[in-house]
Amino acid sequence: MNDSTITLPWLVIRQDDNGNRYRVGRYATRAEAQKIADSLDARGHKQLYWVERIGPNGVSSAD
């Protein structure tokens, strides 16, 4: 399997205090992405973290 066939449809998104959003990472499963989001959220910073899925057309949607 090469890199072009690996599917990573789950994103972890961070929003900072100013409302700026950043992609933290892409993951193969929702559970993996949620685990990362939860561990980052547990650090107690003011940022928000959530999981989104990238659809077949490349558009992400909150899940």
N, C-alpha and C. Protein backbone atom coordinates (compact mmCIF):
# COMPACT_ATOMS: atom_id res chain seq x y z
N MET A 1 0.85 -1.18 0.00
CA MET A 1 0.00 0.00 0.00
C MET A 1 0.90 1.24 0.00
N ASN A 2 0.63 2.17 -0.88
CA ASN A 2 1.41 3.40 -0.88
C ASN A 2 0.59 4.54 -0.28
N ASP A 3 1.22 5.70 -0.09
CA ASP A 3 0.57 6.82 0.57
C ASP A 3 -0.70 7.30 -0.12
N SER A 4 -0.79 7.12 -1.43
CA SER A 4 -1.96 7.63 -2.15
C SER A 4 -3.20 6.78 -1.90
N THR A 5 -3.05 5.57 -1.34
CA THR A 5 -4.21 4.72 -1.08
C THR A 5 -4.63 4.74 0.38
N ILE A 6 -3.90 5.41 1.24
CA ILE A 6 -4.25 5.48 2.65
C ILE A 6 -5.33 6.54 2.84
N THR A 7 -6.41 6.16 3.50
CA THR A 7 -7.51 7.07 3.73
C THR A 7 -7.50 7.52 5.18
N LEU A 8 -7.46 8.83 5.39
CA LEU A 8 -7.49 9.42 6.73
C LEU A 8 -8.62 10.45 6.76
N PRO A 9 -9.86 9.96 6.88
CA PRO A 9 -11.01 10.86 6.76
C PRO A 9 -11.36 11.64 8.02
N TRP A 10 -10.75 11.36 9.15
CA TRP A 10 -11.12 12.01 10.41
C TRP A 10 -10.11 13.07 10.78
N LEU A 11 -10.60 14.28 11.04
CA LEU A 11 -9.75 15.42 11.42
C LEU A 11 -9.96 15.78 12.88
N VAL A 12 -8.89 16.24 13.51
CA VAL A 12 -9.01 16.92 14.81
C VAL A 12 -8.75 18.39 14.52
N ILE A 13 -9.68 19.24 14.94
CA ILE A 13 -9.62 20.67 14.70
C ILE A 13 -9.46 21.38 16.05
N ARG A 14 -8.63 22.41 16.07
CA ARG A 14 -8.46 23.24 17.26
C ARG A 14 -8.90 24.66 16.94
N GLN A 15 -9.62 25.28 17.87
CA GLN A 15 -9.99 26.69 17.74
C GLN A 15 -9.37 27.43 18.91
N ASP A 16 -8.61 28.49 18.61
CA ASP A 16 -7.95 29.24 19.68
C ASP A 16 -8.84 30.35 20.22
N ASP A 17 -8.30 31.11 21.15
CA ASP A 17 -9.05 32.17 21.82
C ASP A 17 -9.58 33.24 20.86
N ASN A 18 -8.94 33.41 19.74
CA ASN A 18 -9.32 34.44 18.78
C ASN A 18 -10.26 33.91 17.68
N GLY A 19 -10.66 32.65 17.79
CA GLY A 19 -11.56 32.07 16.80
C GLY A 19 -10.86 31.48 15.59
N ASN A 20 -9.52 31.47 15.59
CA ASN A 20 -8.78 30.87 14.48
C ASN A 20 -8.83 29.35 14.60
N ARG A 21 -9.04 28.69 13.48
CA ARG A 21 -9.14 27.22 13.47
C ARG A 21 -7.94 26.62 12.75
N TYR A 22 -7.47 25.49 13.30
CA TYR A 22 -6.30 24.80 12.76
C TYR A 22 -6.56 23.31 12.74
N ARG A 23 -6.07 22.66 11.70
CA ARG A 23 -6.13 21.20 11.65
C ARG A 23 -4.97 20.66 12.46
N VAL A 24 -5.26 19.87 13.48
CA VAL A 24 -4.24 19.28 14.32
C VAL A 24 -3.67 18.03 13.66
N GLY A 25 -4.54 17.20 13.09
CA GLY A 25 -4.08 15.97 12.44
C GLY A 25 -5.22 15.26 11.75
N ARG A 26 -4.85 14.25 10.96
CA ARG A 26 -5.81 13.41 10.25
C ARG A 26 -5.63 11.98 10.73
N TYR A 27 -6.75 11.26 10.87
CA TYR A 27 -6.72 9.92 11.45
C TYR A 27 -7.62 8.97 10.68
N ALA A 28 -7.32 7.68 10.79
CA ALA A 28 -8.05 6.66 10.05
C ALA A 28 -9.41 6.36 10.65
N THR A 29 -9.53 6.47 11.98
CA THR A 29 -10.79 6.14 12.63
C THR A 29 -11.27 7.30 13.50
N ARG A 30 -12.58 7.33 13.72
CA ARG A 30 -13.15 8.35 14.59
C ARG A 30 -12.65 8.17 16.01
N ALA A 31 -12.53 6.93 16.46
CA ALA A 31 -12.07 6.65 17.82
C ALA A 31 -10.66 7.18 18.05
N GLU A 32 -9.79 6.98 17.08
CA GLU A 32 -8.43 7.49 17.18
C GLU A 32 -8.41 9.02 17.25
N ALA A 33 -9.18 9.66 16.39
CA ALA A 33 -9.25 11.12 16.38
C ALA A 33 -9.83 11.65 17.69
N GLN A 34 -10.89 11.00 18.19
CA GLN A 34 -11.52 11.44 19.43
C GLN A 34 -10.56 11.28 20.61
N LYS A 35 -9.78 10.23 20.62
CA LYS A 35 -8.79 10.01 21.69
C LYS A 35 -7.78 11.16 21.73
N ILE A 36 -7.31 11.59 20.57
CA ILE A 36 -6.37 12.72 20.48
C ILE A 36 -7.04 14.01 20.94
N ALA A 37 -8.26 14.26 20.45
CA ALA A 37 -8.99 15.48 20.83
C ALA A 37 -9.22 15.52 22.33
N ASP A 38 -9.61 14.39 22.91
CA ASP A 38 -9.85 14.33 24.36
C ASP A 38 -8.57 14.57 25.15
N SER A 39 -7.46 13.99 24.70
CA SER A 39 -6.20 14.18 25.43
C SER A 39 -5.73 15.63 25.35
N LEU A 40 -5.93 16.28 24.23
CA LEU A 40 -5.55 17.69 24.11
C LEU A 40 -6.48 18.57 24.94
N ASP A 41 -7.77 18.25 24.93
CA ASP A 41 -8.74 19.02 25.69
C ASP A 41 -8.49 18.90 27.20
N ALA A 42 -8.00 17.76 27.65
CA ALA A 42 -7.76 17.51 29.07
C ALA A 42 -6.60 18.35 29.62
N ARG A 43 -5.82 18.96 28.77
CA ARG A 43 -4.69 19.77 29.22
C ARG A 43 -5.14 21.06 29.90
N GLY A 44 -6.41 21.43 29.72
CA GLY A 44 -6.96 22.57 30.43
C GLY A 44 -6.70 23.93 29.80
N HIS A 45 -6.25 23.98 28.57
CA HIS A 45 -6.07 25.26 27.90
C HIS A 45 -7.42 25.78 27.43
N LYS A 46 -7.45 27.02 26.97
CA LYS A 46 -8.71 27.63 26.54
C LYS A 46 -9.14 27.20 25.14
N GLN A 47 -8.27 26.51 24.41
CA GLN A 47 -8.63 26.09 23.06
C GLN A 47 -9.72 25.03 23.09
N LEU A 48 -10.49 25.00 22.00
CA LEU A 48 -11.51 23.98 21.81
C LEU A 48 -11.00 22.96 20.81
N TYR A 49 -11.31 21.70 21.01
CA TYR A 49 -10.92 20.64 20.09
C TYR A 49 -12.15 19.83 19.74
N TRP A 50 -12.28 19.44 18.46
CA TRP A 50 -13.37 18.59 18.04
C TRP A 50 -12.95 17.76 16.84
N VAL A 51 -13.80 16.79 16.52
CA VAL A 51 -13.54 15.85 15.43
C VAL A 51 -14.50 16.14 14.29
N GLU A 52 -13.97 16.13 13.07
CA GLU A 52 -14.78 16.28 11.85
C GLU A 52 -14.39 15.18 10.88
N ARG A 53 -15.32 14.82 10.03
CA ARG A 53 -15.05 13.82 8.98
C ARG A 53 -14.98 14.52 7.63
N ILE A 54 -14.01 14.13 6.84
CA ILE A 54 -13.90 14.63 5.47
C ILE A 54 -14.76 13.73 4.59
N GLY A 55 -15.67 14.32 3.86
CA GLY A 55 -16.55 13.56 2.98
C GLY A 55 -15.84 13.18 1.69
N PRO A 56 -16.50 12.42 0.85
CA PRO A 56 -15.91 11.97 -0.41
C PRO A 56 -15.54 13.12 -1.34
N ASN A 57 -16.20 14.25 -1.18
CA ASN A 57 -15.90 15.40 -2.04
C ASN A 57 -14.82 16.29 -1.43
N GLY A 58 -14.22 15.87 -0.29
CA GLY A 58 -13.14 16.62 0.32
C GLY A 58 -13.59 17.70 1.29
N VAL A 59 -14.89 17.82 1.53
CA VAL A 59 -15.43 18.82 2.44
C VAL A 59 -15.59 18.20 3.81
N SER A 60 -15.14 18.91 4.84
CA SER A 60 -15.30 18.39 6.19
C SER A 60 -16.63 18.83 6.77
N SER A 61 -17.12 18.02 7.70
CA SER A 61 -18.37 18.33 8.39
C SER A 61 -18.24 17.92 9.84
N ALA A 62 -18.78 18.73 10.74
CA ALA A 62 -18.72 18.40 12.16
C ALA A 62 -19.52 17.12 12.38
N ASP A 63 -18.99 16.27 13.24
CA ASP A 63 -19.66 15.00 13.49
C ASP A 63 -19.87 14.81 14.97
